[in-house]
Amino acid sequence: MISVATVFATLFGIPLGVLLHVSAPNGLRPLPVLHRILGVVADFGRSVPFIVLIVLLQQIVTRPLLSTSIGPTAAIVPLAIGAVPFLGRLVQSALREVDATVVEAAVTTGASRLRIVRSVLLGESAPALVSAVGVTAVTLVGFSAIAGVVGGGGLGDLAIRYGYQRYDDRIMWTTVIVIGLLAMLLQFLFDRVARLIDRRRHVTA
C-alpha cells in the first residue's frame, strides 16, 4: 500500500508543486487564478482528516473505480489522493529554496520555461525533493495504519482486529513496533538517497 501510494503521490504531487511554484505571482509564469485554485485544492486536501477522507472517497471514487472499498488495494486510492496535496506543498517549499540568481541566469541565457523547470528548479532542488518524497512515505505509514480502522488491511487492520478488539497486548505492541521501525527505515533510506544526490551534485558542479 505504501509503495504504490508513494509512487502515485510522486507522479501527481511533484507536478502539483511545480505548478504552484511556477504560477505564483513571482513565478516563471504568473497565473493568479490558477495559483489560487490549486492552492485552495491543496490546502483543503491537507486539512481533511485522513479517516474522513477514506469514508468520503469510498463511495464516490474507490468503489466505482475498483468495485470494492475494502482491502489493501482499495486503500491505495485514498492513500494516494490524500498524499498528493501534502507532497505538492512540500515540493513548492523545496522549489522556493532554489537560488533566485540561478533562475535569473537561466532566463537571461534564453532558456525555455520547460528547460528552466527541468534543469534548474528540479535539478537544484533534487535532494530536497527526495526528502519531501521520504516525508510523504513516512506519513503514508501512519495513514495506512489508520486505513486499517475501516477495513483497509495491513498492519493497522491487524492491530485493530487482533490487538485492540481481542485485547491481545502482544499483537498490539508488536504491530506498533513494526510500524515504527518501518517508518524509521523509510526515513533513513530517503535521507541516504538525498545525501548521495546532494554529494554528486556538488562534485559535478
N, C-alpha and C. Protein backbone atom coordinates (compact mmCIF):
# COMPACT_ATOMS: atom_id res chain seq x y z
N MET A 1 0.83 -1.21 0.00
CA MET A 1 0.00 0.00 0.00
C MET A 1 0.86 1.26 0.00
N ILE A 2 1.87 1.24 0.87
CA ILE A 2 2.70 2.44 1.00
C ILE A 2 3.51 2.70 -0.27
N SER A 3 4.11 1.64 -0.83
CA SER A 3 4.97 1.83 -2.00
C SER A 3 4.16 2.31 -3.20
N VAL A 4 3.02 1.68 -3.47
CA VAL A 4 2.21 2.08 -4.63
C VAL A 4 1.65 3.48 -4.43
N ALA A 5 1.16 3.77 -3.23
CA ALA A 5 0.61 5.10 -2.96
C ALA A 5 1.69 6.17 -3.07
N THR A 6 2.91 5.85 -2.64
CA THR A 6 4.02 6.81 -2.75
C THR A 6 4.35 7.09 -4.20
N VAL A 7 4.32 6.06 -5.04
CA VAL A 7 4.58 6.25 -6.47
C VAL A 7 3.54 7.17 -7.09
N PHE A 8 2.27 6.91 -6.81
CA PHE A 8 1.21 7.75 -7.37
C PHE A 8 1.28 9.17 -6.82
N ALA A 9 1.56 9.29 -5.53
CA ALA A 9 1.68 10.62 -4.94
C ALA A 9 2.82 11.39 -5.56
N THR A 10 3.92 10.71 -5.88
CA THR A 10 5.07 11.37 -6.52
C THR A 10 4.73 11.80 -7.94
N LEU A 11 4.04 10.94 -8.68
CA LEU A 11 3.69 11.25 -10.07
C LEU A 11 2.79 12.47 -10.19
N PHE A 12 1.92 12.66 -9.19
CA PHE A 12 0.98 13.79 -9.25
C PHE A 12 1.36 14.92 -8.30
N GLY A 13 2.05 14.61 -7.21
CA GLY A 13 2.39 15.64 -6.24
C GLY A 13 3.49 16.57 -6.72
N ILE A 14 4.50 16.02 -7.39
CA ILE A 14 5.59 16.88 -7.90
C ILE A 14 5.08 17.85 -8.96
N PRO A 15 4.30 17.40 -9.97
CA PRO A 15 3.74 18.37 -10.91
C PRO A 15 2.86 19.42 -10.24
N LEU A 16 2.10 19.01 -9.22
CA LEU A 16 1.27 19.98 -8.50
C LEU A 16 2.14 21.03 -7.83
N GLY A 17 3.22 20.60 -7.18
CA GLY A 17 4.12 21.56 -6.55
C GLY A 17 4.79 22.48 -7.55
N VAL A 18 5.17 21.93 -8.70
CA VAL A 18 5.78 22.76 -9.76
C VAL A 18 4.79 23.81 -10.25
N LEU A 19 3.55 23.40 -10.48
CA LEU A 19 2.53 24.35 -10.94
C LEU A 19 2.27 25.43 -9.89
N LEU A 20 2.23 25.04 -8.63
CA LEU A 20 2.03 26.02 -7.57
C LEU A 20 3.16 27.04 -7.55
N HIS A 21 4.38 26.58 -7.77
CA HIS A 21 5.53 27.48 -7.74
C HIS A 21 5.60 28.36 -8.99
N VAL A 22 5.43 27.74 -10.14
CA VAL A 22 5.58 28.48 -11.40
C VAL A 22 4.46 29.49 -11.58
N SER A 23 3.24 29.16 -11.14
CA SER A 23 2.09 30.05 -11.35
C SER A 23 1.95 31.12 -10.28
N ALA A 24 2.85 31.12 -9.29
CA ALA A 24 2.80 32.13 -8.22
C ALA A 24 3.05 33.52 -8.80
N PRO A 25 2.65 34.58 -8.08
CA PRO A 25 2.84 35.95 -8.58
C PRO A 25 4.27 36.27 -8.99
N ASN A 26 5.26 35.69 -8.32
CA ASN A 26 6.66 35.93 -8.66
C ASN A 26 7.29 34.72 -9.36
N GLY A 27 6.45 33.85 -9.92
CA GLY A 27 6.95 32.65 -10.58
C GLY A 27 7.33 32.89 -12.03
N LEU A 28 7.73 31.81 -12.70
CA LEU A 28 8.14 31.91 -14.10
C LEU A 28 6.98 32.29 -15.01
N ARG A 29 5.79 31.82 -14.68
CA ARG A 29 4.60 32.09 -15.48
C ARG A 29 3.45 32.41 -14.54
N PRO A 30 3.40 33.64 -14.06
CA PRO A 30 2.36 34.01 -13.09
C PRO A 30 0.95 33.82 -13.65
N LEU A 31 0.18 33.02 -12.96
CA LEU A 31 -1.22 32.78 -13.31
C LEU A 31 -2.02 32.84 -12.00
N PRO A 32 -2.41 34.03 -11.59
CA PRO A 32 -3.03 34.21 -10.26
C PRO A 32 -4.26 33.34 -10.03
N VAL A 33 -5.12 33.23 -11.03
CA VAL A 33 -6.36 32.46 -10.86
C VAL A 33 -6.03 30.98 -10.66
N LEU A 34 -5.18 30.43 -11.55
CA LEU A 34 -4.78 29.03 -11.43
C LEU A 34 -4.07 28.78 -10.11
N HIS A 35 -3.20 29.69 -9.73
CA HIS A 35 -2.45 29.53 -8.49
C HIS A 35 -3.38 29.51 -7.29
N ARG A 36 -4.38 30.37 -7.32
CA ARG A 36 -5.33 30.44 -6.21
C ARG A 36 -6.16 29.15 -6.14
N ILE A 37 -6.60 28.66 -7.29
CA ILE A 37 -7.41 27.44 -7.32
C ILE A 37 -6.60 26.25 -6.82
N LEU A 38 -5.39 26.10 -7.33
CA LEU A 38 -4.53 24.99 -6.91
C LEU A 38 -4.21 25.08 -5.42
N GLY A 39 -4.00 26.30 -4.94
CA GLY A 39 -3.70 26.49 -3.52
C GLY A 39 -4.87 26.08 -2.64
N VAL A 40 -6.08 26.45 -3.05
CA VAL A 40 -7.27 26.09 -2.28
C VAL A 40 -7.45 24.57 -2.27
N VAL A 41 -7.27 23.93 -3.44
CA VAL A 41 -7.41 22.48 -3.53
C VAL A 41 -6.38 21.79 -2.65
N ALA A 42 -5.13 22.25 -2.72
CA ALA A 42 -4.06 21.63 -1.93
C ALA A 42 -4.31 21.80 -0.43
N ASP A 43 -4.70 23.00 -0.02
CA ASP A 43 -4.92 23.26 1.40
C ASP A 43 -6.13 22.51 1.92
N PHE A 44 -7.17 22.42 1.10
CA PHE A 44 -8.36 21.67 1.52
C PHE A 44 -8.03 20.18 1.64
N GLY A 45 -7.29 19.66 0.67
CA GLY A 45 -6.92 18.24 0.71
C GLY A 45 -6.07 17.91 1.93
N ARG A 46 -5.22 18.83 2.33
CA ARG A 46 -4.37 18.59 3.50
C ARG A 46 -5.12 18.73 4.81
N SER A 47 -6.20 19.53 4.80
CA SER A 47 -6.91 19.82 6.05
C SER A 47 -7.91 18.73 6.43
N VAL A 48 -8.34 17.92 5.46
CA VAL A 48 -9.33 16.89 5.76
C VAL A 48 -8.67 15.74 6.52
N PRO A 49 -9.15 15.37 7.69
CA PRO A 49 -8.58 14.22 8.42
C PRO A 49 -8.62 12.98 7.54
N PHE A 50 -7.57 12.18 7.61
CA PHE A 50 -7.47 11.06 6.66
C PHE A 50 -8.60 10.05 6.81
N ILE A 51 -9.01 9.77 8.04
CA ILE A 51 -10.08 8.80 8.22
C ILE A 51 -11.39 9.30 7.60
N VAL A 52 -11.60 10.62 7.63
CA VAL A 52 -12.78 11.21 6.98
C VAL A 52 -12.63 11.11 5.46
N LEU A 53 -11.43 11.34 4.98
CA LEU A 53 -11.17 11.26 3.54
C LEU A 53 -11.45 9.86 3.01
N ILE A 54 -11.05 8.83 3.76
CA ILE A 54 -11.31 7.46 3.34
C ILE A 54 -12.80 7.22 3.17
N VAL A 55 -13.58 7.64 4.16
CA VAL A 55 -15.03 7.42 4.13
C VAL A 55 -15.66 8.18 2.95
N LEU A 56 -15.20 9.42 2.73
CA LEU A 56 -15.75 10.22 1.63
C LEU A 56 -15.46 9.58 0.27
N LEU A 57 -14.24 9.05 0.12
CA LEU A 57 -13.83 8.53 -1.18
C LEU A 57 -14.33 7.11 -1.44
N GLN A 58 -14.74 6.41 -0.40
CA GLN A 58 -15.18 5.03 -0.59
C GLN A 58 -16.31 4.91 -1.60
N GLN A 59 -17.30 5.77 -1.47
CA GLN A 59 -18.48 5.66 -2.32
C GLN A 59 -18.33 6.39 -3.65
N ILE A 60 -17.60 7.52 -3.66
CA ILE A 60 -17.57 8.33 -4.87
C ILE A 60 -16.38 8.03 -5.79
N VAL A 61 -15.33 7.39 -5.25
CA VAL A 61 -14.15 7.11 -6.08
C VAL A 61 -13.74 5.64 -6.00
N THR A 62 -13.48 5.16 -4.79
CA THR A 62 -12.89 3.82 -4.63
C THR A 62 -13.80 2.73 -5.16
N ARG A 63 -15.06 2.70 -4.72
CA ARG A 63 -15.96 1.64 -5.16
C ARG A 63 -16.24 1.68 -6.66
N PRO A 64 -16.55 2.85 -7.26
CA PRO A 64 -16.76 2.87 -8.72
C PRO A 64 -15.51 2.47 -9.50
N LEU A 65 -14.34 2.79 -8.96
CA LEU A 65 -13.10 2.52 -9.68
C LEU A 65 -12.66 1.07 -9.55
N LEU A 66 -12.80 0.49 -8.36
CA LEU A 66 -12.28 -0.85 -8.10
C LEU A 66 -13.36 -1.88 -7.77
N SER A 67 -14.62 -1.45 -7.73
CA SER A 67 -15.76 -2.32 -7.39
C SER A 67 -15.70 -2.82 -5.96
N THR A 68 -14.89 -2.25 -5.14
CA THR A 68 -14.81 -2.59 -3.73
C THR A 68 -14.21 -1.41 -2.98
N SER A 69 -14.51 -1.34 -1.71
CA SER A 69 -13.94 -0.28 -0.87
C SER A 69 -13.21 -0.86 0.33
N ILE A 70 -13.00 -2.18 0.32
CA ILE A 70 -12.36 -2.86 1.43
C ILE A 70 -11.11 -3.57 0.94
N GLY A 71 -10.08 -3.57 1.76
CA GLY A 71 -8.85 -4.28 1.44
C GLY A 71 -7.70 -3.36 1.10
N PRO A 72 -6.49 -3.90 1.06
CA PRO A 72 -5.30 -3.09 0.79
C PRO A 72 -5.34 -2.37 -0.56
N THR A 73 -5.83 -3.05 -1.61
CA THR A 73 -5.87 -2.41 -2.93
C THR A 73 -6.78 -1.19 -2.91
N ALA A 74 -7.95 -1.32 -2.28
CA ALA A 74 -8.88 -0.20 -2.20
C ALA A 74 -8.30 0.94 -1.36
N ALA A 75 -7.49 0.61 -0.37
CA ALA A 75 -6.92 1.65 0.50
C ALA A 75 -5.90 2.51 -0.23
N ILE A 76 -5.33 1.98 -1.31
CA ILE A 76 -4.32 2.74 -2.06
C ILE A 76 -4.91 4.02 -2.62
N VAL A 77 -6.19 3.99 -3.04
CA VAL A 77 -6.82 5.16 -3.66
C VAL A 77 -6.84 6.36 -2.70
N PRO A 78 -7.44 6.25 -1.51
CA PRO A 78 -7.41 7.40 -0.60
C PRO A 78 -6.01 7.74 -0.09
N LEU A 79 -5.15 6.72 0.02
CA LEU A 79 -3.77 7.00 0.44
C LEU A 79 -3.08 7.91 -0.56
N ALA A 80 -3.20 7.57 -1.84
CA ALA A 80 -2.55 8.36 -2.89
C ALA A 80 -3.16 9.75 -2.99
N ILE A 81 -4.48 9.80 -2.99
CA ILE A 81 -5.17 11.10 -3.13
C ILE A 81 -4.85 12.00 -1.94
N GLY A 82 -4.81 11.42 -0.74
CA GLY A 82 -4.51 12.22 0.44
C GLY A 82 -3.07 12.72 0.47
N ALA A 83 -2.17 11.96 -0.16
CA ALA A 83 -0.75 12.33 -0.13
C ALA A 83 -0.38 13.36 -1.19
N VAL A 84 -1.14 13.46 -2.27
CA VAL A 84 -0.80 14.37 -3.37
C VAL A 84 -0.72 15.82 -2.91
N PRO A 85 -1.76 16.39 -2.28
CA PRO A 85 -1.63 17.80 -1.85
C PRO A 85 -0.56 18.00 -0.78
N PHE A 86 -0.36 16.99 0.07
CA PHE A 86 0.69 17.08 1.10
C PHE A 86 2.06 17.19 0.43
N LEU A 87 2.33 16.32 -0.53
CA LEU A 87 3.62 16.37 -1.23
C LEU A 87 3.71 17.61 -2.10
N GLY A 88 2.60 18.03 -2.68
CA GLY A 88 2.62 19.22 -3.53
C GLY A 88 3.12 20.44 -2.80
N ARG A 89 2.66 20.64 -1.57
CA ARG A 89 3.12 21.78 -0.79
C ARG A 89 4.59 21.64 -0.39
N LEU A 90 5.01 20.42 -0.10
CA LEU A 90 6.43 20.21 0.23
C LEU A 90 7.31 20.52 -0.97
N VAL A 91 6.87 20.11 -2.16
CA VAL A 91 7.63 20.39 -3.38
C VAL A 91 7.69 21.89 -3.63
N GLN A 92 6.58 22.57 -3.44
CA GLN A 92 6.56 24.02 -3.61
C GLN A 92 7.57 24.69 -2.68
N SER A 93 7.61 24.25 -1.44
CA SER A 93 8.57 24.82 -0.48
C SER A 93 10.00 24.54 -0.90
N ALA A 94 10.26 23.33 -1.44
CA ALA A 94 11.61 22.98 -1.88
C ALA A 94 12.03 23.86 -3.06
N LEU A 95 11.13 24.12 -3.98
CA LEU A 95 11.45 24.94 -5.15
C LEU A 95 11.70 26.39 -4.76
N ARG A 96 11.05 26.85 -3.71
CA ARG A 96 11.27 28.22 -3.25
C ARG A 96 12.69 28.43 -2.76
N GLU A 97 13.33 27.36 -2.32
CA GLU A 97 14.68 27.47 -1.77
C GLU A 97 15.75 27.54 -2.85
N VAL A 98 15.38 27.33 -4.10
CA VAL A 98 16.36 27.42 -5.19
C VAL A 98 16.81 28.87 -5.32
N ASP A 99 18.09 29.07 -5.44
CA ASP A 99 18.67 30.41 -5.53
C ASP A 99 18.07 31.16 -6.72
N ALA A 100 17.48 32.32 -6.44
CA ALA A 100 16.83 33.11 -7.49
C ALA A 100 17.82 33.56 -8.56
N THR A 101 19.08 33.79 -8.17
CA THR A 101 20.07 34.24 -9.16
C THR A 101 20.36 33.17 -10.20
N VAL A 102 20.26 31.89 -9.80
CA VAL A 102 20.47 30.80 -10.75
C VAL A 102 19.33 30.78 -11.78
N VAL A 103 18.11 30.99 -11.30
CA VAL A 103 16.95 31.03 -12.20
C VAL A 103 17.06 32.23 -13.13
N GLU A 104 17.44 33.37 -12.58
CA GLU A 104 17.57 34.59 -13.40
C GLU A 104 18.65 34.41 -14.46
N ALA A 105 19.73 33.72 -14.12
CA ALA A 105 20.80 33.49 -15.09
C ALA A 105 20.30 32.62 -16.23
N ALA A 106 19.49 31.62 -15.91
CA ALA A 106 18.93 30.75 -16.95
C ALA A 106 17.97 31.52 -17.84
N VAL A 107 17.18 32.41 -17.26
CA VAL A 107 16.26 33.24 -18.05
C VAL A 107 17.05 34.16 -18.97
N THR A 108 18.14 34.71 -18.47
CA THR A 108 18.97 35.63 -19.27
C THR A 108 19.57 34.93 -20.48
N THR A 109 19.92 33.67 -20.34
CA THR A 109 20.51 32.93 -21.47
C THR A 109 19.47 32.53 -22.52
N GLY A 110 18.19 32.80 -22.23
CA GLY A 110 17.15 32.49 -23.20
C GLY A 110 16.59 31.09 -23.10
N ALA A 111 16.86 30.41 -22.01
CA ALA A 111 16.34 29.05 -21.82
C ALA A 111 14.82 29.08 -21.72
N SER A 112 14.18 28.06 -22.26
CA SER A 112 12.72 27.96 -22.20
C SER A 112 12.26 27.67 -20.78
N ARG A 113 10.99 27.95 -20.52
CA ARG A 113 10.46 27.69 -19.18
C ARG A 113 10.57 26.21 -18.83
N LEU A 114 10.28 25.36 -19.79
CA LEU A 114 10.35 23.92 -19.53
C LEU A 114 11.77 23.50 -19.17
N ARG A 115 12.74 24.06 -19.86
CA ARG A 115 14.13 23.73 -19.57
C ARG A 115 14.54 24.26 -18.20
N ILE A 116 14.07 25.44 -17.85
CA ILE A 116 14.39 26.02 -16.55
C ILE A 116 13.80 25.16 -15.44
N VAL A 117 12.56 24.73 -15.63
CA VAL A 117 11.91 23.88 -14.63
C VAL A 117 12.67 22.58 -14.47
N ARG A 118 13.00 21.95 -15.61
CA ARG A 118 13.63 20.63 -15.56
C ARG A 118 15.07 20.70 -15.08
N SER A 119 15.85 21.61 -15.63
CA SER A 119 17.29 21.63 -15.36
C SER A 119 17.67 22.45 -14.13
N VAL A 120 16.95 23.55 -13.90
CA VAL A 120 17.31 24.46 -12.81
C VAL A 120 16.50 24.16 -11.55
N LEU A 121 15.18 24.33 -11.64
CA LEU A 121 14.35 24.17 -10.46
C LEU A 121 14.41 22.74 -9.91
N LEU A 122 14.09 21.76 -10.77
CA LEU A 122 14.10 20.37 -10.31
C LEU A 122 15.52 19.87 -10.06
N GLY A 123 16.46 20.31 -10.90
CA GLY A 123 17.84 19.86 -10.74
C GLY A 123 18.47 20.37 -9.45
N GLU A 124 18.29 21.66 -9.17
CA GLU A 124 18.89 22.26 -7.98
C GLU A 124 18.24 21.77 -6.69
N SER A 125 16.96 21.44 -6.77
CA SER A 125 16.23 21.04 -5.56
C SER A 125 16.09 19.53 -5.43
N ALA A 126 16.81 18.77 -6.23
CA ALA A 126 16.67 17.30 -6.23
C ALA A 126 16.80 16.68 -4.84
N PRO A 127 17.83 17.02 -4.05
CA PRO A 127 17.93 16.42 -2.71
C PRO A 127 16.72 16.75 -1.83
N ALA A 128 16.26 18.00 -1.90
CA ALA A 128 15.09 18.39 -1.10
C ALA A 128 13.83 17.67 -1.58
N LEU A 129 13.73 17.43 -2.89
CA LEU A 129 12.57 16.72 -3.42
C LEU A 129 12.56 15.27 -2.95
N VAL A 130 13.73 14.65 -2.94
CA VAL A 130 13.82 13.27 -2.43
C VAL A 130 13.42 13.22 -0.96
N SER A 131 13.87 14.20 -0.20
CA SER A 131 13.49 14.26 1.22
C SER A 131 11.99 14.46 1.38
N ALA A 132 11.40 15.27 0.50
CA ALA A 132 9.96 15.51 0.55
C ALA A 132 9.19 14.23 0.27
N VAL A 133 9.65 13.46 -0.71
CA VAL A 133 9.00 12.17 -1.00
C VAL A 133 9.16 11.23 0.19
N GLY A 134 10.32 11.28 0.84
CA GLY A 134 10.55 10.46 2.02
C GLY A 134 9.61 10.81 3.16
N VAL A 135 9.43 12.10 3.41
CA VAL A 135 8.49 12.54 4.44
C VAL A 135 7.08 12.07 4.11
N THR A 136 6.73 12.14 2.83
CA THR A 136 5.41 11.67 2.40
C THR A 136 5.25 10.18 2.63
N ALA A 137 6.28 9.41 2.31
CA ALA A 137 6.22 7.95 2.51
C ALA A 137 6.05 7.62 3.99
N VAL A 138 6.78 8.32 4.84
CA VAL A 138 6.66 8.08 6.29
C VAL A 138 5.25 8.46 6.76
N THR A 139 4.71 9.55 6.25
CA THR A 139 3.35 9.95 6.60
C THR A 139 2.35 8.89 6.16
N LEU A 140 2.60 8.29 4.99
CA LEU A 140 1.71 7.25 4.49
C LEU A 140 1.74 6.00 5.37
N VAL A 141 2.84 5.78 6.08
CA VAL A 141 2.88 4.66 7.03
C VAL A 141 1.79 4.86 8.09
N GLY A 142 1.70 6.08 8.60
CA GLY A 142 0.66 6.39 9.58
C GLY A 142 -0.72 6.33 8.97
N PHE A 143 -0.86 6.86 7.75
CA PHE A 143 -2.15 6.81 7.06
C PHE A 143 -2.61 5.38 6.83
N SER A 144 -1.68 4.50 6.45
CA SER A 144 -2.04 3.11 6.16
C SER A 144 -2.52 2.40 7.43
N ALA A 145 -1.95 2.78 8.57
CA ALA A 145 -2.41 2.21 9.84
C ALA A 145 -3.83 2.67 10.13
N ILE A 146 -4.13 3.94 9.83
CA ILE A 146 -5.48 4.45 10.02
C ILE A 146 -6.46 3.74 9.09
N ALA A 147 -6.00 3.41 7.88
CA ALA A 147 -6.87 2.72 6.92
C ALA A 147 -7.35 1.38 7.46
N GLY A 148 -6.58 0.78 8.34
CA GLY A 148 -6.99 -0.49 8.93
C GLY A 148 -8.26 -0.38 9.76
N VAL A 149 -8.57 0.81 10.25
CA VAL A 149 -9.78 1.01 11.05
C VAL A 149 -11.04 0.76 10.23
N VAL A 150 -10.99 1.06 8.92
CA VAL A 150 -12.16 0.91 8.06
C VAL A 150 -11.95 -0.21 7.05
N GLY A 151 -11.21 -1.24 7.43
CA GLY A 151 -11.06 -2.40 6.58
C GLY A 151 -10.03 -2.26 5.49
N GLY A 152 -9.05 -1.39 5.69
CA GLY A 152 -8.03 -1.19 4.68
C GLY A 152 -6.96 -2.25 4.66
N GLY A 153 -6.98 -3.14 5.63
CA GLY A 153 -5.96 -4.18 5.67
C GLY A 153 -4.65 -3.66 6.21
N GLY A 154 -3.61 -4.49 6.09
CA GLY A 154 -2.28 -4.09 6.52
C GLY A 154 -2.10 -4.20 8.02
N LEU A 155 -1.03 -3.61 8.52
CA LEU A 155 -0.69 -3.71 9.93
C LEU A 155 -1.71 -3.00 10.82
N GLY A 156 -2.30 -1.94 10.31
CA GLY A 156 -3.32 -1.24 11.09
C GLY A 156 -4.52 -2.12 11.36
N ASP A 157 -4.94 -2.87 10.34
CA ASP A 157 -6.06 -3.79 10.49
C ASP A 157 -5.72 -4.89 11.49
N LEU A 158 -4.49 -5.37 11.42
CA LEU A 158 -4.03 -6.41 12.35
C LEU A 158 -4.05 -5.89 13.79
N ALA A 159 -3.58 -4.67 13.98
CA ALA A 159 -3.55 -4.09 15.32
C ALA A 159 -4.95 -3.88 15.88
N ILE A 160 -5.88 -3.43 15.03
CA ILE A 160 -7.24 -3.16 15.49
C ILE A 160 -8.00 -4.44 15.79
N ARG A 161 -8.01 -5.36 14.82
CA ARG A 161 -8.85 -6.55 14.95
C ARG A 161 -8.31 -7.57 15.94
N TYR A 162 -6.99 -7.81 15.88
CA TYR A 162 -6.42 -8.86 16.72
C TYR A 162 -5.75 -8.33 17.98
N GLY A 163 -5.38 -7.05 17.95
CA GLY A 163 -4.75 -6.48 19.13
C GLY A 163 -5.74 -5.77 20.02
N TYR A 164 -6.41 -4.75 19.49
CA TYR A 164 -7.32 -3.93 20.28
C TYR A 164 -8.63 -4.64 20.60
N GLN A 165 -9.31 -5.15 19.57
CA GLN A 165 -10.64 -5.75 19.78
C GLN A 165 -10.57 -7.06 20.56
N ARG A 166 -9.49 -7.79 20.47
CA ARG A 166 -9.35 -9.06 21.19
C ARG A 166 -8.46 -8.93 22.43
N TYR A 167 -8.10 -7.69 22.75
CA TYR A 167 -7.33 -7.41 23.96
C TYR A 167 -6.02 -8.21 24.01
N ASP A 168 -5.38 -8.32 22.86
CA ASP A 168 -4.11 -9.04 22.80
C ASP A 168 -2.98 -8.00 22.76
N ASP A 169 -2.44 -7.71 23.91
CA ASP A 169 -1.40 -6.68 24.01
C ASP A 169 -0.14 -7.07 23.24
N ARG A 170 0.13 -8.36 23.14
CA ARG A 170 1.33 -8.79 22.43
C ARG A 170 1.25 -8.41 20.95
N ILE A 171 0.13 -8.68 20.32
CA ILE A 171 -0.05 -8.32 18.91
C ILE A 171 -0.08 -6.80 18.75
N MET A 172 -0.76 -6.14 19.66
CA MET A 172 -0.86 -4.68 19.58
C MET A 172 0.52 -4.02 19.61
N TRP A 173 1.34 -4.38 20.60
CA TRP A 173 2.66 -3.76 20.72
C TRP A 173 3.61 -4.20 19.60
N THR A 174 3.45 -5.44 19.15
CA THR A 174 4.29 -5.91 18.05
C THR A 174 4.04 -5.11 16.78
N THR A 175 2.76 -4.88 16.46
CA THR A 175 2.43 -4.11 15.26
C THR A 175 2.87 -2.66 15.39
N VAL A 176 2.73 -2.11 16.60
CA VAL A 176 3.18 -0.73 16.82
C VAL A 176 4.68 -0.62 16.59
N ILE A 177 5.44 -1.57 17.10
CA ILE A 177 6.90 -1.55 16.94
C ILE A 177 7.27 -1.72 15.47
N VAL A 178 6.60 -2.66 14.78
CA VAL A 178 6.89 -2.89 13.36
C VAL A 178 6.60 -1.64 12.53
N ILE A 179 5.46 -1.00 12.80
CA ILE A 179 5.11 0.23 12.08
C ILE A 179 6.14 1.31 12.34
N GLY A 180 6.57 1.44 13.60
CA GLY A 180 7.59 2.43 13.93
C GLY A 180 8.91 2.15 13.24
N LEU A 181 9.33 0.88 13.22
CA LEU A 181 10.58 0.51 12.55
C LEU A 181 10.50 0.75 11.05
N LEU A 182 9.32 0.47 10.47
CA LEU A 182 9.13 0.70 9.03
C LEU A 182 9.28 2.18 8.70
N ALA A 183 8.68 3.03 9.53
CA ALA A 183 8.78 4.48 9.31
C ALA A 183 10.23 4.95 9.43
N MET A 184 10.96 4.43 10.42
CA MET A 184 12.36 4.79 10.61
C MET A 184 13.21 4.32 9.44
N LEU A 185 12.94 3.11 8.96
CA LEU A 185 13.70 2.58 7.83
C LEU A 185 13.48 3.41 6.57
N LEU A 186 12.24 3.77 6.29
CA LEU A 186 11.94 4.60 5.12
C LEU A 186 12.63 5.96 5.22
N GLN A 187 12.57 6.56 6.41
CA GLN A 187 13.21 7.86 6.58
C GLN A 187 14.72 7.76 6.37
N PHE A 188 15.33 6.71 6.89
CA PHE A 188 16.77 6.51 6.73
C PHE A 188 17.14 6.35 5.25
N LEU A 189 16.38 5.53 4.53
CA LEU A 189 16.69 5.28 3.12
C LEU A 189 16.56 6.54 2.28
N PHE A 190 15.50 7.29 2.47
CA PHE A 190 15.31 8.50 1.68
C PHE A 190 16.33 9.57 2.05
N ASP A 191 16.67 9.68 3.31
CA ASP A 191 17.72 10.64 3.73
C ASP A 191 19.06 10.26 3.11
N ARG A 192 19.33 8.96 3.05
CA ARG A 192 20.57 8.47 2.46
C ARG A 192 20.64 8.82 0.98
N VAL A 193 19.54 8.58 0.26
CA VAL A 193 19.50 8.90 -1.17
C VAL A 193 19.66 10.40 -1.38
N ALA A 194 19.00 11.20 -0.56
CA ALA A 194 19.10 12.65 -0.69
C ALA A 194 20.53 13.13 -0.49
N ARG A 195 21.24 12.56 0.49
CA ARG A 195 22.64 12.94 0.73
C ARG A 195 23.52 12.53 -0.45
N LEU A 196 23.27 11.35 -1.02
CA LEU A 196 24.06 10.90 -2.16
C LEU A 196 23.86 11.82 -3.35
N ILE A 197 22.63 12.20 -3.62
CA ILE A 197 22.34 13.10 -4.73
C ILE A 197 22.99 14.45 -4.51
N ASP A 198 22.91 14.95 -3.28
CA ASP A 198 23.49 16.25 -2.97
C ASP A 198 25.01 16.23 -3.13
N ARG A 199 25.63 15.12 -2.71
CA ARG A 199 27.08 15.00 -2.83
C ARG A 199 27.50 14.95 -4.30
N ARG A 200 26.79 14.18 -5.09
CA ARG A 200 27.12 14.08 -6.52
C ARG A 200 26.91 15.39 -7.24
N ARG A 201 25.86 16.11 -6.83
CA ARG A 201 25.57 17.40 -7.47
C ARG A 201 26.70 18.39 -7.19
N HIS A 202 27.23 18.39 -5.97
CA HIS A 202 28.32 19.30 -5.64
C HIS A 202 29.62 18.89 -6.34
N VAL A 203 29.85 17.58 -6.49
CA VAL A 203 31.04 17.11 -7.18
C VAL A 203 30.97 17.52 -8.65
N THR A 204 29.78 17.34 -9.26
CA THR A 204 29.60 17.73 -10.66
C THR A 204 29.79 19.22 -10.86
N ALA A 205 29.24 20.01 -9.91
CA ALA A 205 29.39 21.46 -10.02
C ALA A 205 30.84 21.88 -9.90
